């Protein structure tokens, strides 16, 4: 982080600022054995079903598609 601060790259400075703001979460994400892969997979599946429906149906039909898939 110190090396990036020494360079003249404003976009990288913004990235480092974001890392420093949430440094505890960054460290935990890189060191702890847990992840949210299963949850992300379910979210991805639901978004795919919603994209396939292309706003042609109601929330009720989306719920049926998700529970039956």
PDB file of N, CA and C in Angstrom:
ATOM      1  N   UNK A   1       0.825  -1.188   0.000  1.00  0.00           N
ATOM      2  CA  UNK A   1       0.000   0.000   0.000  1.00  0.00           C
ATOM      3  C   UNK A   1       0.869   1.252   0.000  1.00  0.00           C
ATOM      4  N   UNK A   2       1.976   1.174   0.710  1.00  0.00           N
ATOM      5  CA  UNK A   2       2.880   2.329   0.743  1.00  0.00           C
ATOM      6  C   UNK A   2       3.482   2.586  -0.635  1.00  0.00           C
ATOM      7  N   UNK A   3       3.802   1.520  -1.374  1.00  0.00           N
ATOM      8  CA  UNK A   3       4.374   1.679  -2.714  1.00  0.00           C
ATOM      9  C   UNK A   3       3.366   2.330  -3.662  1.00  0.00           C
ATOM     10  N   UNK A   4       2.097   1.971  -3.533  1.00  0.00           N
ATOM     11  CA  UNK A   4       1.067   2.567  -4.387  1.00  0.00           C
ATOM     12  C   UNK A   4       0.889   4.037  -4.036  1.00  0.00           C
ATOM     13  N   UNK A   5       0.930   4.352  -2.761  1.00  0.00           N
ATOM     14  CA  UNK A   5       0.801   5.759  -2.342  1.00  0.00           C
ATOM     15  C   UNK A   5       1.948   6.604  -2.891  1.00  0.00           C
ATOM     16  N   UNK A   6       3.130   6.007  -3.034  1.00  0.00           N
ATOM     17  CA  UNK A   6       4.291   6.746  -3.536  1.00  0.00           C
ATOM     18  C   UNK A   6       4.188   6.998  -5.041  1.00  0.00           C
ATOM     19  N   UNK A   7       3.447   6.180  -5.772  1.00  0.00           N
ATOM     20  CA  UNK A   7       3.296   6.357  -7.221  1.00  0.00           C
ATOM     21  C   UNK A   7       2.258   7.420  -7.534  1.00  0.00           C
ATOM     22  N   UNK A   8       2.283   7.865  -8.779  1.00  0.00           N
ATOM     23  CA  UNK A   8       1.338   8.891  -9.232  1.00  0.00           C
ATOM     24  C   UNK A   8       0.210   8.231 -10.034  1.00  0.00           C
ATOM     25  N   UNK A   9      -0.582   7.417  -9.333  1.00  0.00           N
ATOM     26  CA  UNK A   9      -1.703   6.721  -9.961  1.00  0.00           C
ATOM     27  C   UNK A   9      -2.972   6.982  -9.146  1.00  0.00           C
ATOM     28  N   UNK A  10      -3.718   8.038  -9.482  1.00  0.00           N
ATOM     29  CA  UNK A  10      -4.902   8.397  -8.680  1.00  0.00           C
ATOM     30  C   UNK A  10      -5.932   7.273  -8.558  1.00  0.00           C
ATOM     31  N   UNK A  11      -6.115   6.498  -9.617  1.00  0.00           N
ATOM     32  CA  UNK A  11      -7.113   5.431  -9.539  1.00  0.00           C
ATOM     33  C   UNK A  11      -6.682   4.354  -8.545  1.00  0.00           C
ATOM     34  N   UNK A  12      -5.405   4.078  -8.478  1.00  0.00           N
ATOM     35  CA  UNK A  12      -4.907   3.098  -7.507  1.00  0.00           C
ATOM     36  C   UNK A  12      -5.010   3.655  -6.089  1.00  0.00           C
ATOM     37  N   UNK A  13      -4.848   4.967  -5.932  1.00  0.00           N
ATOM     38  CA  UNK A  13      -5.008   5.581  -4.614  1.00  0.00           C
ATOM     39  C   UNK A  13      -6.436   5.379  -4.119  1.00  0.00           C
ATOM     40  N   UNK A  14      -7.406   5.522  -5.027  1.00  0.00           N
ATOM     41  CA  UNK A  14      -8.809   5.300  -4.668  1.00  0.00           C
ATOM     42  C   UNK A  14      -9.027   3.858  -4.236  1.00  0.00           C
ATOM     43  N   UNK A  15      -8.421   2.926  -4.955  1.00  0.00           N
ATOM     44  CA  UNK A  15      -8.538   1.510  -4.606  1.00  0.00           C
ATOM     45  C   UNK A  15      -7.949   1.244  -3.220  1.00  0.00           C
ATOM     46  N   UNK A  16      -6.783   1.791  -2.943  1.00  0.00           N
ATOM     47  CA  UNK A  16      -6.134   1.605  -1.649  1.00  0.00           C
ATOM     48  C   UNK A  16      -6.957   2.238  -0.533  1.00  0.00           C
ATOM     49  N   UNK A  17      -7.563   3.385  -0.804  1.00  0.00           N
ATOM     50  CA  UNK A  17      -8.425   4.021   0.203  1.00  0.00           C
ATOM     51  C   UNK A  17      -9.585   3.088   0.569  1.00  0.00           C
ATOM     52  N   UNK A  18     -10.167   2.442  -0.428  1.00  0.00           N
ATOM     53  CA  UNK A  18     -11.252   1.500  -0.170  1.00  0.00           C
ATOM     54  C   UNK A  18     -10.777   0.300   0.632  1.00  0.00           C
ATOM     55  N   UNK A  19      -9.592  -0.201   0.316  1.00  0.00           N
ATOM     56  CA  UNK A  19      -9.043  -1.320   1.088  1.00  0.00           C
ATOM     57  C   UNK A  19      -8.811  -0.929   2.539  1.00  0.00           C
ATOM     58  N   UNK A  20      -8.264   0.256   2.743  1.00  0.00           N
ATOM     59  CA  UNK A  20      -7.973   0.693   4.112  1.00  0.00           C
ATOM     60  C   UNK A  20      -9.243   0.934   4.910  1.00  0.00           C
ATOM     61  N   UNK A  21     -10.302   1.408   4.247  1.00  0.00           N
ATOM     62  CA  UNK A  21     -11.558   1.650   4.954  1.00  0.00           C
ATOM     63  C   UNK A  21     -12.148   0.359   5.514  1.00  0.00           C
ATOM     64  N   UNK A  22     -11.935  -0.742   4.819  1.00  0.00           N
ATOM     65  CA  UNK A  22     -12.512  -2.023   5.234  1.00  0.00           C
ATOM     66  C   UNK A  22     -11.415  -3.072   5.386  1.00  0.00           C
ATOM     67  N   UNK A  23     -10.317  -2.684   5.979  1.00  0.00           N
ATOM     68  CA  UNK A  23      -9.152  -3.546   6.079  1.00  0.00           C
ATOM     69  C   UNK A  23      -9.431  -4.833   6.852  1.00  0.00           C
ATOM     70  N   UNK A  24     -10.233  -4.745   7.917  1.00  0.00           N
ATOM     71  CA  UNK A  24     -10.553  -5.952   8.691  1.00  0.00           C
ATOM     72  C   UNK A  24     -11.266  -6.992   7.831  1.00  0.00           C
ATOM     73  N   UNK A  25     -12.210  -6.549   7.002  1.00  0.00           N
ATOM     74  CA  UNK A  25     -12.933  -7.476   6.138  1.00  0.00           C
ATOM     75  C   UNK A  25     -12.014  -8.054   5.066  1.00  0.00           C
ATOM     76  N   UNK A  26     -11.108  -7.248   4.543  1.00  0.00           N
ATOM     77  CA  UNK A  26     -10.175  -7.734   3.528  1.00  0.00           C
ATOM     78  C   UNK A  26      -9.272  -8.815   4.119  1.00  0.00           C
ATOM     79  N   UNK A  27      -8.750  -8.566   5.301  1.00  0.00           N
ATOM     80  CA  UNK A  27      -7.879  -9.542   5.958  1.00  0.00           C
ATOM     81  C   UNK A  27      -8.650 -10.827   6.261  1.00  0.00           C
ATOM     82  N   UNK A  28      -9.881 -10.690   6.762  1.00  0.00           N
ATOM     83  CA  UNK A  28     -10.697 -11.863   7.068  1.00  0.00           C
ATOM     84  C   UNK A  28     -10.992 -12.661   5.797  1.00  0.00           C
ATOM     85  N   UNK A  29     -11.289 -11.964   4.701  1.00  0.00           N
ATOM     86  CA  UNK A  29     -11.587 -12.652   3.450  1.00  0.00           C
ATOM     87  C   UNK A  29     -10.405 -13.425   2.898  1.00  0.00           C
ATOM     88  N   UNK A  30      -9.212 -12.945   3.180  1.00  0.00           N
ATOM     89  CA  UNK A  30      -8.015 -13.614   2.664  1.00  0.00           C
ATOM     90  C   UNK A  30      -7.480 -14.690   3.597  1.00  0.00           C
ATOM     91  N   UNK A  31      -7.872 -14.671   4.865  1.00  0.00           N
ATOM     92  CA  UNK A  31      -7.278 -15.603   5.822  1.00  0.00           C
ATOM     93  C   UNK A  31      -8.231 -16.655   6.366  1.00  0.00           C
ATOM     94  N   UNK A  32      -9.514 -16.359   6.447  1.00  0.00           N
ATOM     95  CA  UNK A  32     -10.460 -17.310   7.032  1.00  0.00           C
ATOM     96  C   UNK A  32     -10.886 -18.366   6.010  1.00  0.00           C
ATOM     97  N   UNK A  33     -11.210 -19.567   6.470  1.00  0.00           N
ATOM     98  CA  UNK A  33     -11.549 -20.650   5.544  1.00  0.00           C
ATOM     99  C   UNK A  33     -12.975 -20.589   4.991  1.00  0.00           C
ATOM    100  N   UNK A  34     -13.836 -19.727   5.515  1.00  0.00           N
ATOM    101  CA  UNK A  34     -15.225 -19.681   5.083  1.00  0.00           C
ATOM    102  C   UNK A  34     -15.376 -18.824   3.835  1.00  0.00           C
ATOM    103  N   UNK A  35     -16.412 -19.128   3.045  1.00  0.00           N
ATOM    104  CA  UNK A  35     -16.733 -18.293   1.896  1.00  0.00           C
ATOM    105  C   UNK A  35     -18.233 -18.328   1.659  1.00  0.00           C
ATOM    106  N   UNK A  36     -18.693 -17.506   0.746  1.00  0.00           N
ATOM    107  CA  UNK A  36     -20.129 -17.420   0.463  1.00  0.00           C
ATOM    108  C   UNK A  36     -20.454 -18.016  -0.907  1.00  0.00           C
ATOM    109  N   UNK A  37     -19.669 -18.997  -1.324  1.00  0.00           N
ATOM    110  CA  UNK A  37     -19.840 -19.591  -2.647  1.00  0.00           C
ATOM    111  C   UNK A  37     -21.201 -20.201  -2.889  1.00  0.00           C
ATOM    112  N   UNK A  38     -21.740 -20.906  -1.922  1.00  0.00           N
ATOM    113  CA  UNK A  38     -23.043 -21.553  -2.097  1.00  0.00           C
ATOM    114  C   UNK A  38     -24.139 -20.505  -2.243  1.00  0.00           C
ATOM    115  N   UNK A  39     -24.089 -19.488  -1.412  1.00  0.00           N
ATOM    116  CA  UNK A  39     -25.092 -18.421  -1.484  1.00  0.00           C
ATOM    117  C   UNK A  39     -24.997 -17.708  -2.823  1.00  0.00           C
ATOM    118  N   UNK A  40     -23.777 -17.400  -3.262  1.00  0.00           N
ATOM    119  CA  UNK A  40     -23.600 -16.723  -4.545  1.00  0.00           C
ATOM    120  C   UNK A  40     -24.128 -17.580  -5.690  1.00  0.00           C
ATOM    121  N   UNK A  41     -23.980 -18.891  -5.585  1.00  0.00           N
ATOM    122  CA  UNK A  41     -24.514 -19.781  -6.609  1.00  0.00           C
ATOM    123  C   UNK A  41     -26.027 -19.716  -6.691  1.00  0.00           C
ATOM    124  N   UNK A  42     -26.684 -19.669  -5.538  1.00  0.00           N
ATOM    125  CA  UNK A  42     -28.154 -19.564  -5.529  1.00  0.00           C
ATOM    126  C   UNK A  42     -28.599 -18.222  -6.089  1.00  0.00           C
ATOM    127  N   UNK A  43     -27.916 -17.150  -5.713  1.00  0.00           N
ATOM    128  CA  UNK A  43     -28.259 -15.823  -6.226  1.00  0.00           C
ATOM    129  C   UNK A  43     -28.082 -15.800  -7.744  1.00  0.00           C
ATOM    130  N   UNK A  44     -27.009 -16.378  -8.237  1.00  0.00           N
ATOM    131  CA  UNK A  44     -26.757 -16.424  -9.674  1.00  0.00           C
ATOM    132  C   UNK A  44     -27.854 -17.195 -10.396  1.00  0.00           C
ATOM    133  N   UNK A  45     -28.290 -18.308  -9.803  1.00  0.00           N
ATOM    134  CA  UNK A  45     -29.354 -19.111 -10.416  1.00  0.00           C
ATOM    135  C   UNK A  45     -30.658 -18.326 -10.482  1.00  0.00           C
ATOM    136  N   UNK A  46     -30.996 -17.612  -9.416  1.00  0.00           N
ATOM    137  CA  UNK A  46     -32.230 -16.826  -9.393  1.00  0.00           C
ATOM    138  C   UNK A  46     -32.159 -15.704 -10.421  1.00  0.00           C
ATOM    139  N   UNK A  47     -31.016 -15.043 -10.522  1.00  0.00           N
ATOM    140  CA  UNK A  47     -30.873 -13.973 -11.511  1.00  0.00           C
ATOM    141  C   UNK A  47     -30.985 -14.514 -12.929  1.00  0.00           C
ATOM    142  N   UNK A  48     -30.462 -15.710 -13.171  1.00  0.00           N
ATOM    143  CA  UNK A  48     -30.555 -16.317 -14.493  1.00  0.00           C
ATOM    144  C   UNK A  48     -32.019 -16.588 -14.844  1.00  0.00           C
ATOM    145  N   UNK A  49     -32.769 -17.126 -13.897  1.00  0.00           N
ATOM    146  CA  UNK A  49     -34.192 -17.401 -14.139  1.00  0.00           C
ATOM    147  C   UNK A  49     -34.929 -16.098 -14.422  1.00  0.00           C
ATOM    148  N   UNK A  50     -34.610 -15.058 -13.662  1.00  0.00           N
ATOM    149  CA  UNK A  50     -35.259 -13.764 -13.865  1.00  0.00           C
ATOM    150  C   UNK A  50     -34.923 -13.196 -15.243  1.00  0.00           C
ATOM    151  N   UNK A  51     -33.669 -13.329 -15.672  1.00  0.00           N
ATOM    152  CA  UNK A  51     -33.287 -12.846 -17.002  1.00  0.00           C
ATOM    153  C   UNK A  51     -34.009 -13.638 -18.090  1.00  0.00           C
ATOM    154  N   UNK A  52     -34.181 -14.934 -17.890  1.00  0.00           N
ATOM    155  CA  UNK A  52     -34.874 -15.746 -18.879  1.00  0.00           C
ATOM    156  C   UNK A  52     -36.328 -15.310 -19.019  1.00  0.00           C
ATOM    157  N   UNK A  53     -36.913 -14.884 -17.918  1.00  0.00           N
ATOM    158  CA  UNK A  53     -38.304 -14.451 -17.950  1.00  0.00           C
ATOM    159  C   UNK A  53     -38.421 -13.064 -18.573  1.00  0.00           C
ATOM    160  N   UNK A  54     -37.367 -12.273 -18.517  1.00  0.00           N
ATOM    161  CA  UNK A  54     -37.287 -10.972 -19.170  1.00  0.00           C
ATOM    162  C   UNK A  54     -38.476 -10.067 -18.829  1.00  0.00           C
ATOM    163  N   UNK A  55     -38.819  -9.995 -17.559  1.00  0.00           N
ATOM    164  CA  UNK A  55     -39.888  -9.116 -17.069  1.00  0.00           C
ATOM    165  C   UNK A  55     -41.240  -9.371 -17.719  1.00  0.00           C
ATOM    166  N   UNK A  56     -41.456 -10.601 -18.178  1.00  0.00           N
ATOM    167  CA  UNK A  56     -42.721 -10.912 -18.824  1.00  0.00           C
ATOM    168  C   UNK A  56     -43.759 -11.443 -17.848  1.00  0.00           C
ATOM    169  N   UNK A  57     -43.356 -11.683 -16.617  1.00  0.00           N
ATOM    170  CA  UNK A  57     -44.278 -12.322 -15.693  1.00  0.00           C
ATOM    171  C   UNK A  57     -44.223 -11.639 -14.330  1.00  0.00           C
ATOM    172  N   UNK A  58     -45.062 -12.068 -13.468  1.00  0.00           N
ATOM    173  CA  UNK A  58     -45.161 -11.475 -12.144  1.00  0.00           C
ATOM    174  C   UNK A  58     -44.195 -12.124 -11.172  1.00  0.00           C
ATOM    175  N   UNK A  59     -44.129 -11.549  -9.988  1.00  0.00           N
ATOM    176  CA  UNK A  59     -43.287 -12.099  -8.940  1.00  0.00           C
ATOM    177  C   UNK A  59     -43.748 -13.498  -8.544  1.00  0.00           C
ATOM    178  N   UNK A  60     -45.036 -13.758  -8.615  1.00  0.00           N
ATOM    179  CA  UNK A  60     -45.578 -15.070  -8.264  1.00  0.00           C
ATOM    180  C   UNK A  60     -45.001 -16.156  -9.172  1.00  0.00           C
ATOM    181  N   UNK A  61     -44.938 -15.879 -10.472  1.00  0.00           N
ATOM    182  CA  UNK A  61     -44.375 -16.860 -11.399  1.00  0.00           C
ATOM    183  C   UNK A  61     -42.877 -17.035 -11.155  1.00  0.00           C
ATOM    184  N   UNK A  62     -42.174 -15.937 -10.868  1.00  0.00           N
ATOM    185  CA  UNK A  62     -40.744 -16.028 -10.560  1.00  0.00           C
ATOM    186  C   UNK A  62     -40.528 -16.925  -9.343  1.00  0.00           C
ATOM    187  N   UNK A  63     -41.353 -16.768  -8.319  1.00  0.00           N
ATOM    188  CA  UNK A  63     -41.222 -17.603  -7.112  1.00  0.00           C
ATOM    189  C   UNK A  63     -41.447 -19.073  -7.451  1.00  0.00           C
ATOM    190  N   UNK A  64     -42.446 -19.364  -8.315  1.00  0.00           N
ATOM    191  CA  UNK A  64     -42.675 -20.752  -8.715  1.00  0.00           C
ATOM    192  C   UNK A  64     -41.483 -21.304  -9.481  1.00  0.00           C
ATOM    193  N   UNK A  65     -40.904 -20.505 -10.379  1.00  0.00           N
ATOM    194  CA  UNK A  65     -39.755 -20.948 -11.154  1.00  0.00           C
ATOM    195  C   UNK A  65     -38.582 -21.271 -10.230  1.00  0.00           C
ATOM    196  N   UNK A  66     -38.360 -20.432  -9.225  1.00  0.00           N
ATOM    197  CA  UNK A  66     -37.235 -20.619  -8.326  1.00  0.00           C
ATOM    198  C   UNK A  66     -37.434 -21.865  -7.477  1.00  0.00           C
ATOM    199  N   UNK A  67     -38.619 -22.069  -6.961  1.00  0.00           N
ATOM    200  CA  UNK A  67     -38.844 -23.218  -6.080  1.00  0.00           C
ATOM    201  C   UNK A  67     -38.901 -24.530  -6.851  1.00  0.00           C
ATOM    202  N   UNK A  68     -39.302 -24.507  -8.117  1.00  0.00           N
ATOM    203  CA  UNK A  68     -39.389 -25.736  -8.900  1.00  0.00           C
ATOM    204  C   UNK A  68     -38.074 -26.088  -9.578  1.00  0.00           C
ATOM    205  N   UNK A  69     -37.187 -25.109  -9.761  1.00  0.00           N
ATOM    206  CA  UNK A  69     -35.932 -25.353 -10.481  1.00  0.00           C
ATOM    207  C   UNK A  69     -34.970 -26.176  -9.654  1.00  0.00           C
TER     208      UNK A  69
END
